[in-house]
Amino acid sequence: MVRVYLQGIGQFPLLTADQEIVYGRQVQQMMTIEQHFDTLSQQLNCEPTLNELAVDVDKSETEVTQILQPGKRAKQKMVTANLRLGYYYLNIDN
């Protein structure tokens, strides 16, 4: 089962330096919004609405969504690429 998983991970390409920069920036922007979400949740004692979050970060709801969605995809791509990199190094040692 682990072997099948590792073989699947091995199918994903490694990221280029430019991709790492772009994805890293997207993840940083997403994390900033998520930090505001967490802070606002504590202040309100409940999860903020998209509108409340947008007001808190001084952006429109559309802008917040346009930051969060690509940020989540970028994070997943970076995680997968890092797993792929680990797989690559495992195969070098064997």
C-alpha atoms as a PDB file:
ATOM      1  CA  MET A   1       0.000   0.000   0.000  1.00  0.00           C
ATOM      2  CA  VAL A   2       2.809   2.430   0.862  1.00  0.00           C
ATOM      3  CA  ARG A   3       4.610   1.444  -2.327  1.00  0.00           C
ATOM      4  CA  VAL A   4       1.544   2.292  -4.427  1.00  0.00           C
ATOM      5  CA  TYR A   5       1.274   5.659  -2.651  1.00  0.00           C
ATOM      6  CA  LEU A   6       4.943   6.430  -3.243  1.00  0.00           C
ATOM      7  CA  GLN A   7       4.686   5.425  -6.885  1.00  0.00           C
ATOM      8  CA  GLY A   8       1.694   7.751  -7.251  1.00  0.00           C
ATOM      9  CA  ILE A   9       3.613  10.625  -5.663  1.00  0.00           C
ATOM     10  CA  GLY A  10       6.497   9.893  -8.023  1.00  0.00           C
ATOM     11  CA  GLN A  11       4.267  10.808 -10.963  1.00  0.00           C
ATOM     12  CA  PHE A  12       4.066  14.475  -9.933  1.00  0.00           C
ATOM     13  CA  PRO A  13       6.728  16.787 -11.372  1.00  0.00           C
ATOM     14  CA  LEU A  14       9.039  18.768  -9.135  1.00  0.00           C
ATOM     15  CA  LEU A  15       8.381  22.503  -9.008  1.00  0.00           C
ATOM     16  CA  THR A  16      10.545  24.986 -10.829  1.00  0.00           C
ATOM     17  CA  ALA A  17      12.106  27.851  -8.891  1.00  0.00           C
ATOM     18  CA  ASP A  18       9.601  30.257 -10.445  1.00  0.00           C
ATOM     19  CA  GLN A  19       6.677  28.037  -9.435  1.00  0.00           C
ATOM     20  CA  GLU A  20       7.989  27.861  -5.869  1.00  0.00           C
ATOM     21  CA  ILE A  21       8.075  31.661  -5.709  1.00  0.00           C
ATOM     22  CA  VAL A  22       4.585  32.110  -7.153  1.00  0.00           C
ATOM     23  CA  TYR A  23       3.041  29.372  -5.015  1.00  0.00           C
ATOM     24  CA  GLY A  24       4.892  30.589  -1.938  1.00  0.00           C
ATOM     25  CA  ARG A  25       3.467  34.085  -2.359  1.00  0.00           C
ATOM     26  CA  GLN A  26      -0.035  32.712  -2.864  1.00  0.00           C
ATOM     27  CA  VAL A  27       0.267  30.620   0.292  1.00  0.00           C
ATOM     28  CA  GLN A  28       1.572  33.609   2.277  1.00  0.00           C
ATOM     29  CA  GLN A  29      -1.369  35.746   1.155  1.00  0.00           C
ATOM     30  CA  MET A  30      -3.780  32.944   2.048  1.00  0.00           C
ATOM     31  CA  MET A  31      -2.186  32.509   5.470  1.00  0.00           C
ATOM     32  CA  THR A  32      -2.518  36.239   6.176  1.00  0.00           C
ATOM     33  CA  ILE A  33      -6.253  36.037   5.447  1.00  0.00           C
ATOM     34  CA  GLU A  34      -6.525  32.878   7.579  1.00  0.00           C
ATOM     35  CA  GLN A  35      -4.789  34.645  10.482  1.00  0.00           C
ATOM     36  CA  HIS A  36      -7.343  37.440  10.251  1.00  0.00           C
ATOM     37  CA  PHE A  37     -10.080  34.804  10.173  1.00  0.00           C
ATOM     38  CA  ASP A  38      -8.732  33.211  13.372  1.00  0.00           C
ATOM     39  CA  THR A  39      -8.366  36.558  15.160  1.00  0.00           C
ATOM     40  CA  LEU A  40     -11.825  37.660  14.100  1.00  0.00           C
ATOM     41  CA  SER A  41     -13.279  34.308  15.198  1.00  0.00           C
ATOM     42  CA  GLN A  42     -11.875  34.861  18.685  1.00  0.00           C
ATOM     43  CA  GLN A  43     -13.174  38.421  18.834  1.00  0.00           C
ATOM     44  CA  LEU A  44     -16.664  37.466  17.671  1.00  0.00           C
ATOM     45  CA  ASN A  45     -16.796  34.120  19.500  1.00  0.00           C
ATOM     46  CA  CYS A  46     -17.977  32.565  16.221  1.00  0.00           C
ATOM     47  CA  GLU A  47     -16.764  32.154  12.669  1.00  0.00           C
ATOM     48  CA  PRO A  48     -16.923  35.420  10.737  1.00  0.00           C
ATOM     49  CA  THR A  49     -18.904  35.674   7.544  1.00  0.00           C
ATOM     50  CA  LEU A  50     -17.082  36.264   4.293  1.00  0.00           C
ATOM     51  CA  ASN A  51     -18.267  39.878   4.418  1.00  0.00           C
ATOM     52  CA  GLU A  52     -16.936  40.384   7.968  1.00  0.00           C
ATOM     53  CA  LEU A  53     -13.608  38.883   6.954  1.00  0.00           C
ATOM     54  CA  ALA A  54     -13.439  41.043   3.828  1.00  0.00           C
ATOM     55  CA  VAL A  55     -14.109  44.195   5.856  1.00  0.00           C
ATOM     56  CA  ASP A  56     -11.436  43.171   8.379  1.00  0.00           C
ATOM     57  CA  VAL A  57      -8.773  42.769   5.675  1.00  0.00           C
ATOM     58  CA  ASP A  58     -10.000  45.807   3.701  1.00  0.00           C
ATOM     59  CA  LYS A  59     -10.807  43.808   0.570  1.00  0.00           C
ATOM     60  CA  SER A  60     -13.941  42.841  -1.291  1.00  0.00           C
ATOM     61  CA  GLU A  61     -15.496  39.414  -0.794  1.00  0.00           C
ATOM     62  CA  THR A  62     -14.412  38.555  -4.330  1.00  0.00           C
ATOM     63  CA  GLU A  63     -10.814  39.549  -3.593  1.00  0.00           C
ATOM     64  CA  VAL A  64     -10.766  37.441  -0.430  1.00  0.00           C
ATOM     65  CA  THR A  65     -12.086  34.447  -2.369  1.00  0.00           C
ATOM     66  CA  GLN A  66      -9.544  35.102  -5.131  1.00  0.00           C
ATOM     67  CA  ILE A  67      -6.781  34.937  -2.522  1.00  0.00           C
ATOM     68  CA  LEU A  68      -8.035  31.931  -0.557  1.00  0.00           C
ATOM     69  CA  GLN A  69      -8.847  29.541  -3.401  1.00  0.00           C
ATOM     70  CA  PRO A  70      -5.555  29.813  -5.320  1.00  0.00           C
ATOM     71  CA  GLY A  71      -3.699  29.823  -2.001  1.00  0.00           C
ATOM     72  CA  LYS A  72      -5.218  26.481  -1.035  1.00  0.00           C
ATOM     73  CA  ARG A  73      -4.393  25.014  -4.453  1.00  0.00           C
ATOM     74  CA  ALA A  74      -0.846  26.379  -4.244  1.00  0.00           C
ATOM     75  CA  LYS A  75      -0.393  24.889  -0.778  1.00  0.00           C
ATOM     76  CA  GLN A  76      -1.530  21.485  -2.030  1.00  0.00           C
ATOM     77  CA  LYS A  77       0.840  21.690  -4.998  1.00  0.00           C
ATOM     78  CA  MET A  78       3.731  22.588  -2.708  1.00  0.00           C
ATOM     79  CA  VAL A  79       2.937  19.751  -0.300  1.00  0.00           C
ATOM     80  CA  THR A  80       2.685  17.271  -3.167  1.00  0.00           C
ATOM     81  CA  ALA A  81       5.918  18.534  -4.716  1.00  0.00           C
ATOM     82  CA  ASN A  82       7.707  18.249  -1.370  1.00  0.00           C
ATOM     83  CA  LEU A  83       6.466  14.683  -0.998  1.00  0.00           C
ATOM     84  CA  ARG A  84       7.693  14.091  -4.544  1.00  0.00           C
ATOM     85  CA  LEU A  85      11.070  15.539  -3.603  1.00  0.00           C
ATOM     86  CA  GLY A  86      11.246  13.178  -0.618  1.00  0.00           C
ATOM     87  CA  TYR A  87      10.370  10.283  -2.915  1.00  0.00           C
ATOM     88  CA  TYR A  88      13.156  11.374  -5.270  1.00  0.00           C
ATOM     89  CA  TYR A  89      15.724  11.334  -2.456  1.00  0.00           C
ATOM     90  CA  LEU A  90      14.492   7.974  -1.197  1.00  0.00           C
ATOM     91  CA  ASN A  91      15.156   6.506  -4.619  1.00  0.00           C
ATOM     92  CA  ILE A  92      18.630   8.042  -4.825  1.00  0.00           C
ATOM     93  CA  ASP A  93      19.662   6.325  -1.597  1.00  0.00           C
ATOM     94  CA  ASN A  94      18.422   2.918  -2.760  1.00  0.00           C
END
